[in-house]
Structures are given as structure tokens and as C-alpha cells.
């Protein structure tokens, strides 16, 4: 029962990722789809995570998933902080431009 619920959640994530992919953010959409597909395979066949973990040199498949999710989380945080800083810079430039336009109108 829990496998079916998890696969349904991953299917929703796949559709969400495809929606993001078609709206223009291809890296994020592709990442969501790939992670969701991989997670679905790991739910269906948990032995696969153990064999991949032994190939990589990690003890258990669950540990491998935790390490992978932590790495993905760090990359996502760096990406979002970077895009937040870019948006802050754009807002600052736009605000300065509008302020300069208003200054010219009052002269």
C-alpha cells in the first residue's frame, strides 16, 4: 500500500517537473523528473539501491539515498541563493532607473 502511495506522489512530481520544463526552466524540470523516476524505481526495487550502494562503496542503500538527497539539497540551495541575488540586483537596477525617471519628471 505504501509503495502505491509513494509511486503516486512521484508521478505527481513528474507532471510538476514536466510543467516546469515546458515553462522554461529546463534544468529544474529535468532534475525533478529524473529524481522522481529514480525514486520510483527505488521504491519498486529496493534491492537496487543496496547493489548500487555496494558499487559506490556505501554500506546500505538507505545511506546512499540520504547522501544523494543531501547533495541535491546543497546544490538546490546554492542555485536558489544565486538566483535570489540576481533578482535582488535586477530589482535594485530597476528601482534606480525608476527613481532617475521620476527625478527628470520633477525638473
N, C-alpha and C. Protein backbone atom coordinates (compact mmCIF):
# COMPACT_ATOMS: atom_id res chain seq x y z
N UNK A 1 0.82 -1.20 0.00
CA UNK A 1 0.00 0.00 0.00
C UNK A 1 0.86 1.26 0.00
N UNK A 2 1.92 1.26 0.80
CA UNK A 2 2.79 2.44 0.87
C UNK A 2 3.54 2.63 -0.44
N UNK A 3 3.88 1.52 -1.11
CA UNK A 3 4.57 1.64 -2.40
C UNK A 3 3.69 2.34 -3.42
N UNK A 4 2.41 2.00 -3.44
CA UNK A 4 1.47 2.63 -4.37
C UNK A 4 1.33 4.12 -4.07
N UNK A 5 1.25 4.46 -2.80
CA UNK A 5 1.15 5.86 -2.42
C UNK A 5 2.40 6.65 -2.82
N UNK A 6 3.56 6.08 -2.59
CA UNK A 6 4.81 6.75 -2.97
C UNK A 6 4.94 6.91 -4.48
N UNK A 7 4.56 5.89 -5.22
CA UNK A 7 4.64 5.98 -6.67
C UNK A 7 3.67 7.04 -7.19
N UNK A 8 2.49 7.15 -6.59
CA UNK A 8 1.54 8.21 -6.98
C UNK A 8 2.13 9.59 -6.70
N UNK A 9 2.78 9.75 -5.56
CA UNK A 9 3.42 11.03 -5.24
C UNK A 9 4.53 11.35 -6.23
N UNK A 10 5.31 10.36 -6.60
CA UNK A 10 6.38 10.59 -7.57
C UNK A 10 5.82 10.90 -8.95
N UNK A 11 4.67 10.28 -9.30
CA UNK A 11 4.04 10.58 -10.59
C UNK A 11 3.56 12.04 -10.61
N UNK A 12 3.03 12.51 -9.51
CA UNK A 12 2.63 13.92 -9.42
C UNK A 12 3.86 14.81 -9.57
N UNK A 13 4.96 14.43 -8.94
CA UNK A 13 6.20 15.19 -9.09
C UNK A 13 6.68 15.20 -10.54
N UNK A 14 6.52 14.10 -11.24
CA UNK A 14 6.94 14.05 -12.64
C UNK A 14 6.12 15.03 -13.47
N UNK A 15 4.80 15.05 -13.27
CA UNK A 15 3.98 16.00 -14.01
C UNK A 15 4.31 17.44 -13.63
N UNK A 16 4.60 17.68 -12.36
CA UNK A 16 5.02 19.01 -11.92
C UNK A 16 6.34 19.40 -12.59
N UNK A 17 7.28 18.47 -12.64
CA UNK A 17 8.57 18.73 -13.29
C UNK A 17 8.43 18.98 -14.77
N UNK A 18 7.53 18.24 -15.43
CA UNK A 18 7.30 18.47 -16.85
C UNK A 18 6.68 19.85 -17.09
N UNK A 19 5.81 20.27 -16.19
CA UNK A 19 5.23 21.61 -16.30
C UNK A 19 6.28 22.68 -16.17
N UNK A 20 7.19 22.51 -15.24
CA UNK A 20 8.29 23.47 -15.08
C UNK A 20 9.20 23.43 -16.30
N UNK A 21 9.43 22.23 -16.84
CA UNK A 21 10.29 22.08 -18.02
C UNK A 21 9.72 22.87 -19.20
N UNK A 22 8.41 22.76 -19.43
CA UNK A 22 7.81 23.42 -20.57
C UNK A 22 7.61 24.92 -20.37
N UNK A 23 7.67 25.39 -19.12
CA UNK A 23 7.55 26.82 -18.88
C UNK A 23 8.88 27.54 -18.98
N UNK A 24 9.96 26.83 -19.20
CA UNK A 24 11.21 27.50 -19.48
C UNK A 24 12.38 27.12 -18.59
N UNK A 25 12.16 26.60 -17.42
CA UNK A 25 13.27 26.25 -16.54
C UNK A 25 13.62 24.78 -16.76
N UNK A 26 14.41 24.53 -17.79
CA UNK A 26 14.67 23.16 -18.21
C UNK A 26 15.51 22.37 -17.22
N UNK A 27 16.48 23.02 -16.58
CA UNK A 27 17.35 22.30 -15.63
C UNK A 27 16.55 21.81 -14.43
N UNK A 28 15.71 22.67 -13.89
CA UNK A 28 14.94 22.29 -12.70
C UNK A 28 13.91 21.23 -13.07
N UNK A 29 13.22 21.42 -14.19
CA UNK A 29 12.23 20.44 -14.62
C UNK A 29 12.84 19.08 -14.88
N UNK A 30 13.97 19.08 -15.57
CA UNK A 30 14.65 17.81 -15.85
C UNK A 30 15.12 17.15 -14.57
N UNK A 31 15.63 17.93 -13.64
CA UNK A 31 16.10 17.37 -12.36
C UNK A 31 14.95 16.74 -11.58
N UNK A 32 13.81 17.43 -11.53
CA UNK A 32 12.66 16.89 -10.81
C UNK A 32 12.19 15.59 -11.45
N UNK A 33 12.13 15.56 -12.77
CA UNK A 33 11.68 14.35 -13.46
C UNK A 33 12.65 13.20 -13.22
N UNK A 34 13.95 13.45 -13.36
CA UNK A 34 14.94 12.38 -13.19
C UNK A 34 14.96 11.83 -11.76
N UNK A 35 14.90 12.72 -10.78
CA UNK A 35 14.91 12.27 -9.39
C UNK A 35 13.63 11.48 -9.08
N UNK A 36 12.50 11.94 -9.61
CA UNK A 36 11.24 11.23 -9.35
C UNK A 36 11.21 9.86 -10.02
N UNK A 37 11.74 9.77 -11.23
CA UNK A 37 11.79 8.47 -11.91
C UNK A 37 12.73 7.53 -11.16
N UNK A 38 13.89 8.03 -10.75
CA UNK A 38 14.83 7.19 -9.99
C UNK A 38 14.21 6.75 -8.66
N UNK A 39 13.52 7.66 -7.99
CA UNK A 39 12.88 7.31 -6.72
C UNK A 39 11.80 6.25 -6.93
N UNK A 40 11.07 6.34 -8.03
CA UNK A 40 10.05 5.32 -8.32
C UNK A 40 10.67 3.96 -8.52
N UNK A 41 11.80 3.92 -9.24
CA UNK A 41 12.49 2.64 -9.41
C UNK A 41 12.99 2.09 -8.08
N UNK A 42 13.48 2.97 -7.23
CA UNK A 42 13.99 2.52 -5.94
C UNK A 42 12.87 2.04 -5.03
N UNK A 43 11.68 2.61 -5.17
CA UNK A 43 10.54 2.14 -4.38
C UNK A 43 10.11 0.76 -4.86
N UNK A 44 10.07 0.59 -6.18
CA UNK A 44 9.65 -0.70 -6.74
C UNK A 44 10.68 -1.78 -6.46
N UNK A 45 11.96 -1.43 -6.56
CA UNK A 45 13.02 -2.41 -6.36
C UNK A 45 14.05 -1.89 -5.36
N UNK A 46 13.78 -2.03 -4.05
CA UNK A 46 14.72 -1.51 -3.06
C UNK A 46 16.06 -2.23 -3.04
N UNK A 47 16.12 -3.44 -3.57
CA UNK A 47 17.40 -4.16 -3.63
C UNK A 47 18.38 -3.44 -4.56
N UNK A 48 17.82 -2.72 -5.52
CA UNK A 48 18.66 -1.99 -6.47
C UNK A 48 19.51 -0.93 -5.76
N UNK A 49 18.93 -0.28 -4.75
CA UNK A 49 19.70 0.73 -4.01
C UNK A 49 20.85 0.08 -3.25
N UNK A 50 20.62 -1.09 -2.70
CA UNK A 50 21.70 -1.77 -1.98
C UNK A 50 22.84 -2.18 -2.92
N UNK A 51 22.50 -2.65 -4.11
CA UNK A 51 23.56 -3.05 -5.04
C UNK A 51 24.30 -1.83 -5.57
N UNK A 52 23.59 -0.72 -5.83
CA UNK A 52 24.27 0.50 -6.27
C UNK A 52 25.15 1.04 -5.14
N UNK A 53 24.64 0.96 -3.91
CA UNK A 53 25.43 1.43 -2.76
C UNK A 53 26.70 0.61 -2.60
N UNK A 54 26.63 -0.69 -2.78
CA UNK A 54 27.84 -1.51 -2.65
C UNK A 54 28.83 -1.21 -3.77
N UNK A 55 28.33 -0.88 -4.97
CA UNK A 55 29.22 -0.50 -6.07
C UNK A 55 29.94 0.81 -5.77
N UNK A 56 29.23 1.74 -5.14
CA UNK A 56 29.81 3.05 -4.84
C UNK A 56 30.71 3.00 -3.61
N UNK A 57 30.45 2.05 -2.73
CA UNK A 57 31.26 1.93 -1.52
C UNK A 57 30.54 2.38 -0.27
N UNK A 58 29.22 2.51 -0.35
CA UNK A 58 28.41 2.88 0.81
C UNK A 58 27.79 1.61 1.36
N UNK A 59 27.61 1.55 2.66
CA UNK A 59 27.14 0.33 3.30
C UNK A 59 25.74 -0.09 2.90
N UNK A 60 24.78 0.81 3.01
CA UNK A 60 23.39 0.47 2.74
C UNK A 60 22.81 1.40 1.69
N UNK A 61 21.75 0.93 1.05
CA UNK A 61 21.07 1.75 0.05
C UNK A 61 20.41 2.97 0.66
N UNK A 62 19.90 2.82 1.88
CA UNK A 62 19.27 3.96 2.55
C UNK A 62 20.28 5.07 2.82
N UNK A 63 21.50 4.69 3.18
CA UNK A 63 22.55 5.69 3.39
C UNK A 63 22.90 6.40 2.09
N UNK A 64 22.95 5.64 1.00
CA UNK A 64 23.23 6.23 -0.30
C UNK A 64 22.17 7.26 -0.67
N UNK A 65 20.91 6.94 -0.41
CA UNK A 65 19.82 7.88 -0.72
C UNK A 65 19.94 9.13 0.13
N UNK A 66 20.28 8.97 1.40
CA UNK A 66 20.45 10.14 2.26
C UNK A 66 21.59 11.02 1.77
N UNK A 67 22.71 10.42 1.40
CA UNK A 67 23.84 11.19 0.88
C UNK A 67 23.48 11.91 -0.41
N UNK A 68 22.78 11.21 -1.30
CA UNK A 68 22.38 11.82 -2.57
C UNK A 68 21.40 12.97 -2.35
N UNK A 69 20.45 12.78 -1.46
CA UNK A 69 19.48 13.85 -1.18
C UNK A 69 20.15 15.05 -0.53
N UNK A 70 21.11 14.81 0.33
CA UNK A 70 21.84 15.91 0.95
C UNK A 70 22.62 16.70 -0.10
N UNK A 71 23.25 15.99 -1.02
CA UNK A 71 23.99 16.66 -2.09
C UNK A 71 23.05 17.46 -2.99
N UNK A 72 21.92 16.87 -3.35
CA UNK A 72 20.93 17.58 -4.17
C UNK A 72 20.42 18.81 -3.44
N UNK A 73 20.18 18.67 -2.14
CA UNK A 73 19.71 19.80 -1.35
C UNK A 73 20.72 20.94 -1.35
N UNK A 74 22.00 20.61 -1.20
CA UNK A 74 23.03 21.66 -1.22
C UNK A 74 23.10 22.36 -2.57
N UNK A 75 23.04 21.60 -3.66
CA UNK A 75 23.04 22.22 -4.98
C UNK A 75 21.82 23.11 -5.17
N UNK A 76 20.67 22.65 -4.70
CA UNK A 76 19.45 23.45 -4.83
C UNK A 76 19.56 24.74 -4.03
N UNK A 77 20.12 24.66 -2.84
CA UNK A 77 20.28 25.87 -2.02
C UNK A 77 21.21 26.87 -2.71
N UNK A 78 22.32 26.40 -3.26
CA UNK A 78 23.24 27.29 -3.96
C UNK A 78 22.53 27.92 -5.16
N UNK A 79 21.78 27.13 -5.91
CA UNK A 79 21.06 27.65 -7.07
C UNK A 79 20.04 28.71 -6.65
N UNK A 80 19.27 28.44 -5.61
CA UNK A 80 18.23 29.39 -5.21
C UNK A 80 18.82 30.66 -4.60
N UNK A 81 19.89 30.53 -3.85
CA UNK A 81 20.54 31.73 -3.30
C UNK A 81 21.10 32.57 -4.43
N UNK A 82 21.72 31.91 -5.40
CA UNK A 82 22.28 32.64 -6.55
C UNK A 82 21.18 33.36 -7.33
N UNK A 83 20.09 32.68 -7.61
CA UNK A 83 19.01 33.33 -8.36
C UNK A 83 18.35 34.43 -7.54
N UNK A 84 18.31 34.28 -6.22
CA UNK A 84 17.78 35.34 -5.36
C UNK A 84 18.67 36.58 -5.44
N UNK A 85 19.98 36.38 -5.43
CA UNK A 85 20.90 37.51 -5.54
C UNK A 85 20.79 38.20 -6.90
N UNK A 86 20.60 37.42 -7.96
CA UNK A 86 20.43 38.01 -9.28
C UNK A 86 19.14 38.83 -9.33
N UNK A 87 18.07 38.30 -8.75
CA UNK A 87 16.81 39.06 -8.72
C UNK A 87 16.95 40.33 -7.88
N UNK A 88 17.66 40.26 -6.77
CA UNK A 88 17.89 41.46 -5.97
C UNK A 88 18.62 42.52 -6.78
N UNK A 89 19.61 42.11 -7.54
CA UNK A 89 20.37 43.06 -8.36
C UNK A 89 19.48 43.68 -9.44
N UNK A 90 18.64 42.87 -10.07
CA UNK A 90 17.73 43.40 -11.08
C UNK A 90 16.72 44.38 -10.48
N UNK A 91 16.21 44.07 -9.30
CA UNK A 91 15.26 44.96 -8.64
C UNK A 91 15.94 46.27 -8.26
N UNK A 92 17.18 46.19 -7.82
CA UNK A 92 17.91 47.41 -7.47
C UNK A 92 18.12 48.28 -8.70
N UNK A 93 18.52 47.68 -9.81
CA UNK A 93 18.71 48.45 -11.04
C UNK A 93 17.40 49.07 -11.52
N UNK A 94 16.32 48.31 -11.44
CA UNK A 94 15.02 48.83 -11.86
C UNK A 94 14.57 49.98 -10.96
N UNK A 95 14.78 49.85 -9.67
CA UNK A 95 14.42 50.91 -8.73
C UNK A 95 15.22 52.17 -9.00
N UNK A 96 16.50 52.01 -9.26
CA UNK A 96 17.33 53.18 -9.58
C UNK A 96 16.88 53.84 -10.88
N UNK A 97 16.53 53.03 -11.87
CA UNK A 97 16.07 53.57 -13.14
C UNK A 97 14.76 54.36 -12.96
N UNK A 98 13.83 53.80 -12.20
CA UNK A 98 12.56 54.48 -11.96
C UNK A 98 12.78 55.75 -11.16
N UNK A 99 13.68 55.72 -10.20
CA UNK A 99 13.98 56.93 -9.41
C UNK A 99 14.57 58.00 -10.30
N UNK A 100 15.44 57.62 -11.22
CA UNK A 100 16.02 58.60 -12.14
C UNK A 100 14.97 59.16 -13.10
N UNK A 101 14.05 58.34 -13.53
CA UNK A 101 12.97 58.81 -14.40
C UNK A 101 12.07 59.80 -13.66
N UNK A 102 11.76 59.51 -12.41
CA UNK A 102 10.92 60.40 -11.61
C UNK A 102 11.64 61.71 -11.32
N UNK A 103 12.95 61.66 -11.16
CA UNK A 103 13.72 62.86 -10.90
C UNK A 103 13.66 63.78 -12.11
N UNK A 104 13.74 63.23 -13.31
CA UNK A 104 13.67 64.03 -14.54
C UNK A 104 12.29 64.65 -14.72
N UNK A 105 11.27 63.95 -14.30
CA UNK A 105 9.90 64.46 -14.46
C UNK A 105 9.63 65.66 -13.58
N UNK A 106 10.30 65.75 -12.43
CA UNK A 106 10.05 66.85 -11.49
C UNK A 106 10.85 68.10 -11.80
N UNK A 107 11.79 68.03 -12.70
CA UNK A 107 12.61 69.22 -13.03
C UNK A 107 11.90 70.14 -13.98
